[in-house]
Amino acid sequence: MTALALYERVAGLARAGSAAGVAMRLGLARDVAAEGLAWTGPPALGGAQRVNVRAARNGTVDLVELVLDTESGPTRAELEAALGRAEQQPRMPGAGRVALAFPPRGGITPLAYVEDATGRAGRLVARRD
């Protein structure tokens, strides 16, 4: 499964289900070091090196983060083709990456962090609005 296909799947799950349900479907383990309810691990479906799921207070998904290989993640052009035109966020000094926000879809805001060195996404985030 590609990173973008996995992103579309987890964004769809995030719209409809509980954080625990999303984590279970992806085969993630509970992150006991995190504050609040969170799960982490390599996804059973592939497509990312690691997935982090964080729950809101009511148990629904607050945020899903896909950690990708920065050598093979999607490029900005591939992200924009799949998610719409990106808005570049203010740059943090020395960060080595650019943050991109995409148009919200179904109560979920897609974000991507594209590495300067490779021009490829190192993280994709689905954040519930």
C-alpha atoms as a PDB file:
ATOM      1  CA  MET A   1       0.000   0.000   0.000  1.00  0.00           C
ATOM      2  CA  THR A   2       1.355   3.455  -0.854  1.00  0.00           C
ATOM      3  CA  ALA A   3       1.611   6.244   1.710  1.00  0.00           C
ATOM      4  CA  LEU A   4      -1.190   8.224   0.010  1.00  0.00           C
ATOM      5  CA  ALA A   5      -3.480   5.175  -0.113  1.00  0.00           C
ATOM      6  CA  LEU A   6      -2.810   4.523   3.578  1.00  0.00           C
ATOM      7  CA  TYR A   7      -3.459   8.209   4.331  1.00  0.00           C
ATOM      8  CA  GLU A   8      -6.838   8.093   2.543  1.00  0.00           C
ATOM      9  CA  ARG A   9      -7.770   4.969   4.479  1.00  0.00           C
ATOM     10  CA  VAL A  10      -6.836   6.338   7.908  1.00  0.00           C
ATOM     11  CA  ALA A  11      -8.498   9.695   7.158  1.00  0.00           C
ATOM     12  CA  GLY A  12     -11.696   7.830   6.308  1.00  0.00           C
ATOM     13  CA  LEU A  13     -11.446   5.790   9.501  1.00  0.00           C
ATOM     14  CA  ALA A  14     -10.748   8.961  11.510  1.00  0.00           C
ATOM     15  CA  ARG A  15     -13.974  10.561  10.228  1.00  0.00           C
ATOM     16  CA  ALA A  16     -16.120   7.618  11.192  1.00  0.00           C
ATOM     17  CA  GLY A  17     -14.707   5.857  14.206  1.00  0.00           C
ATOM     18  CA  SER A  18     -13.115   5.849  17.585  1.00  0.00           C
ATOM     19  CA  ALA A  19      -9.379   6.219  18.048  1.00  0.00           C
ATOM     20  CA  ALA A  20      -9.201   2.752  19.603  1.00  0.00           C
ATOM     21  CA  GLY A  21     -11.018   1.306  16.576  1.00  0.00           C
ATOM     22  CA  VAL A  22      -8.614   2.987  14.150  1.00  0.00           C
ATOM     23  CA  ALA A  23      -5.623   1.714  16.144  1.00  0.00           C
ATOM     24  CA  MET A  24      -7.070  -1.803  16.215  1.00  0.00           C
ATOM     25  CA  ARG A  25      -7.668  -1.831  12.442  1.00  0.00           C
ATOM     26  CA  LEU A  26      -4.079  -0.707  11.849  1.00  0.00           C
ATOM     27  CA  GLY A  27      -2.612  -3.207  14.330  1.00  0.00           C
ATOM     28  CA  LEU A  28      -1.087  -0.551  16.621  1.00  0.00           C
ATOM     29  CA  ALA A  29      -0.065  -0.943  20.259  1.00  0.00           C
ATOM     30  CA  ARG A  30      -1.089   1.369  23.090  1.00  0.00           C
ATOM     31  CA  ASP A  31       1.525   4.077  23.725  1.00  0.00           C
ATOM     32  CA  VAL A  32       1.798   3.968  27.514  1.00  0.00           C
ATOM     33  CA  ALA A  33       4.374   6.799  27.559  1.00  0.00           C
ATOM     34  CA  ALA A  34       1.931   9.285  26.028  1.00  0.00           C
ATOM     35  CA  GLU A  35      -0.355  11.556  27.991  1.00  0.00           C
ATOM     36  CA  GLY A  36      -3.947  10.570  27.353  1.00  0.00           C
ATOM     37  CA  LEU A  37      -5.042   7.849  24.959  1.00  0.00           C
ATOM     38  CA  ALA A  38      -2.562   7.172  22.174  1.00  0.00           C
ATOM     39  CA  TRP A  39      -1.396   4.260  20.029  1.00  0.00           C
ATOM     40  CA  THR A  40       1.740   3.804  17.948  1.00  0.00           C
ATOM     41  CA  GLY A  41       3.556   1.267  15.795  1.00  0.00           C
ATOM     42  CA  PRO A  42       4.174   0.086  12.273  1.00  0.00           C
ATOM     43  CA  PRO A  43       0.856  -0.296  10.442  1.00  0.00           C
ATOM     44  CA  ALA A  44      -0.251  -3.820   9.567  1.00  0.00           C
ATOM     45  CA  LEU A  45      -1.188  -2.558   6.084  1.00  0.00           C
ATOM     46  CA  GLY A  46       2.253  -1.143   5.234  1.00  0.00           C
ATOM     47  CA  GLY A  47       2.626   2.245   3.544  1.00  0.00           C
ATOM     48  CA  ALA A  48       4.416   3.946   6.447  1.00  0.00           C
ATOM     49  CA  GLN A  49       7.262   3.246   8.852  1.00  0.00           C
ATOM     50  CA  ARG A  50       5.095   4.156  11.830  1.00  0.00           C
ATOM     51  CA  VAL A  51       1.593   5.432  12.597  1.00  0.00           C
ATOM     52  CA  ASN A  52       0.636   7.431  15.681  1.00  0.00           C
ATOM     53  CA  VAL A  53      -3.015   7.825  16.700  1.00  0.00           C
ATOM     54  CA  ARG A  54      -4.115  10.258  19.414  1.00  0.00           C
ATOM     55  CA  ALA A  55      -7.613  10.315  20.901  1.00  0.00           C
ATOM     56  CA  ALA A  56      -9.664  13.334  21.894  1.00  0.00           C
ATOM     57  CA  ARG A  57     -11.223  13.381  25.367  1.00  0.00           C
ATOM     58  CA  ASN A  58     -14.427  11.814  24.028  1.00  0.00           C
ATOM     59  CA  GLY A  59     -12.499   8.876  22.488  1.00  0.00           C
ATOM     60  CA  THR A  60     -12.803   9.953  18.856  1.00  0.00           C
ATOM     61  CA  VAL A  61      -9.728  10.478  16.713  1.00  0.00           C
ATOM     62  CA  ASP A  62      -7.959  13.780  17.343  1.00  0.00           C
ATOM     63  CA  LEU A  63      -4.925  13.158  15.151  1.00  0.00           C
ATOM     64  CA  VAL A  64      -3.367  10.442  12.998  1.00  0.00           C
ATOM     65  CA  GLU A  65       0.269  10.826  11.954  1.00  0.00           C
ATOM     66  CA  LEU A  66       2.021   8.689   9.337  1.00  0.00           C
ATOM     67  CA  VAL A  67       5.816   8.687   9.637  1.00  0.00           C
ATOM     68  CA  LEU A  68       7.307   7.994   6.211  1.00  0.00           C
ATOM     69  CA  ASP A  69      10.686   7.211   4.684  1.00  0.00           C
ATOM     70  CA  THR A  70      11.922  10.632   3.540  1.00  0.00           C
ATOM     71  CA  GLU A  71      13.644   9.022   0.557  1.00  0.00           C
ATOM     72  CA  SER A  72      10.465   7.503  -0.871  1.00  0.00           C
ATOM     73  CA  GLY A  73       7.548   9.534   0.541  1.00  0.00           C
ATOM     74  CA  PRO A  74       5.278  11.448  -1.859  1.00  0.00           C
ATOM     75  CA  THR A  75       6.458  14.722  -3.405  1.00  0.00           C
ATOM     76  CA  ARG A  76       4.566  18.001  -3.067  1.00  0.00           C
ATOM     77  CA  ALA A  77       3.220  17.565  -6.604  1.00  0.00           C
ATOM     78  CA  GLU A  78       1.919  14.069  -5.768  1.00  0.00           C
ATOM     79  CA  LEU A  79       0.347  15.353  -2.541  1.00  0.00           C
ATOM     80  CA  GLU A  80      -1.368  18.248  -4.327  1.00  0.00           C
ATOM     81  CA  ALA A  81      -2.674  15.916  -7.041  1.00  0.00           C
ATOM     82  CA  ALA A  82      -4.261  13.720  -4.347  1.00  0.00           C
ATOM     83  CA  LEU A  83      -5.273  16.266  -1.681  1.00  0.00           C
ATOM     84  CA  GLY A  84      -5.724  19.604  -3.490  1.00  0.00           C
ATOM     85  CA  ARG A  85      -3.699  22.800  -3.555  1.00  0.00           C
ATOM     86  CA  ALA A  86      -1.432  23.183  -0.526  1.00  0.00           C
ATOM     87  CA  GLU A  87      -0.928  26.304   1.538  1.00  0.00           C
ATOM     88  CA  GLN A  88       2.624  26.600   2.842  1.00  0.00           C
ATOM     89  CA  GLN A  89       2.705  27.361   6.562  1.00  0.00           C
ATOM     90  CA  PRO A  90       5.183  29.802   8.164  1.00  0.00           C
ATOM     91  CA  ARG A  91       8.615  28.248   8.265  1.00  0.00           C
ATOM     92  CA  MET A  92      10.362  27.474  11.542  1.00  0.00           C
ATOM     93  CA  PRO A  93      14.020  28.596  11.564  1.00  0.00           C
ATOM     94  CA  GLY A  94      16.362  25.664  11.049  1.00  0.00           C
ATOM     95  CA  ALA A  95      13.583  23.093  10.709  1.00  0.00           C
ATOM     96  CA  GLY A  96      14.800  21.524   7.452  1.00  0.00           C
ATOM     97  CA  ARG A  97      11.239  20.966   6.279  1.00  0.00           C
ATOM     98  CA  VAL A  98       8.209  22.858   5.075  1.00  0.00           C
ATOM     99  CA  ALA A  99       4.731  22.371   6.518  1.00  0.00           C
ATOM    100  CA  LEU A 100       1.840  22.220   4.052  1.00  0.00           C
ATOM    101  CA  ALA A 101      -1.871  22.466   4.877  1.00  0.00           C
ATOM    102  CA  PHE A 102      -4.445  21.134   2.425  1.00  0.00           C
ATOM    103  CA  PRO A 103      -8.153  21.966   2.115  1.00  0.00           C
ATOM    104  CA  PRO A 104     -10.227  20.290   4.869  1.00  0.00           C
ATOM    105  CA  ARG A 105     -12.259  17.278   3.780  1.00  0.00           C
ATOM    106  CA  GLY A 106     -15.115  15.875   5.833  1.00  0.00           C
ATOM    107  CA  GLY A 107     -13.976  17.445   9.109  1.00  0.00           C
ATOM    108  CA  ILE A 108     -10.346  16.353   8.639  1.00  0.00           C
ATOM    109  CA  THR A 109      -7.489  18.732   7.784  1.00  0.00           C
ATOM    110  CA  PRO A 110      -4.620  17.063   5.918  1.00  0.00           C
ATOM    111  CA  LEU A 111      -1.099  18.296   6.710  1.00  0.00           C
ATOM    112  CA  ALA A 112       2.252  17.234   5.276  1.00  0.00           C
ATOM    113  CA  TYR A 113       5.836  17.938   6.243  1.00  0.00           C
ATOM    114  CA  VAL A 114       8.115  17.909   3.189  1.00  0.00           C
ATOM    115  CA  GLU A 115      11.848  17.561   3.815  1.00  0.00           C
ATOM    116  CA  ASP A 116      14.126  20.168   2.197  1.00  0.00           C
ATOM    117  CA  ALA A 117      16.895  17.626   1.519  1.00  0.00           C
ATOM    118  CA  THR A 118      14.765  15.184  -0.493  1.00  0.00           C
ATOM    119  CA  GLY A 119      11.666  17.140  -1.529  1.00  0.00           C
ATOM    120  CA  ARG A 120       9.553  14.271  -0.183  1.00  0.00           C
ATOM    121  CA  ALA A 121       7.091  14.041   2.678  1.00  0.00           C
ATOM    122  CA  GLY A 122       8.457  12.652   5.935  1.00  0.00           C
ATOM    123  CA  ARG A 123       5.113  12.937   7.740  1.00  0.00           C
ATOM    124  CA  LEU A 124       1.441  13.042   6.752  1.00  0.00           C
ATOM    125  CA  VAL A 125      -1.074  14.122   9.382  1.00  0.00           C
ATOM    126  CA  ALA A 126      -4.858  13.902   9.497  1.00  0.00           C
ATOM    127  CA  ARG A 127      -6.114  16.324  12.159  1.00  0.00           C
ATOM    128  CA  ARG A 128      -9.761  16.440  13.156  1.00  0.00           C
ATOM    129  CA  ASP A 129     -11.189  19.969  12.933  1.00  0.00           C
END
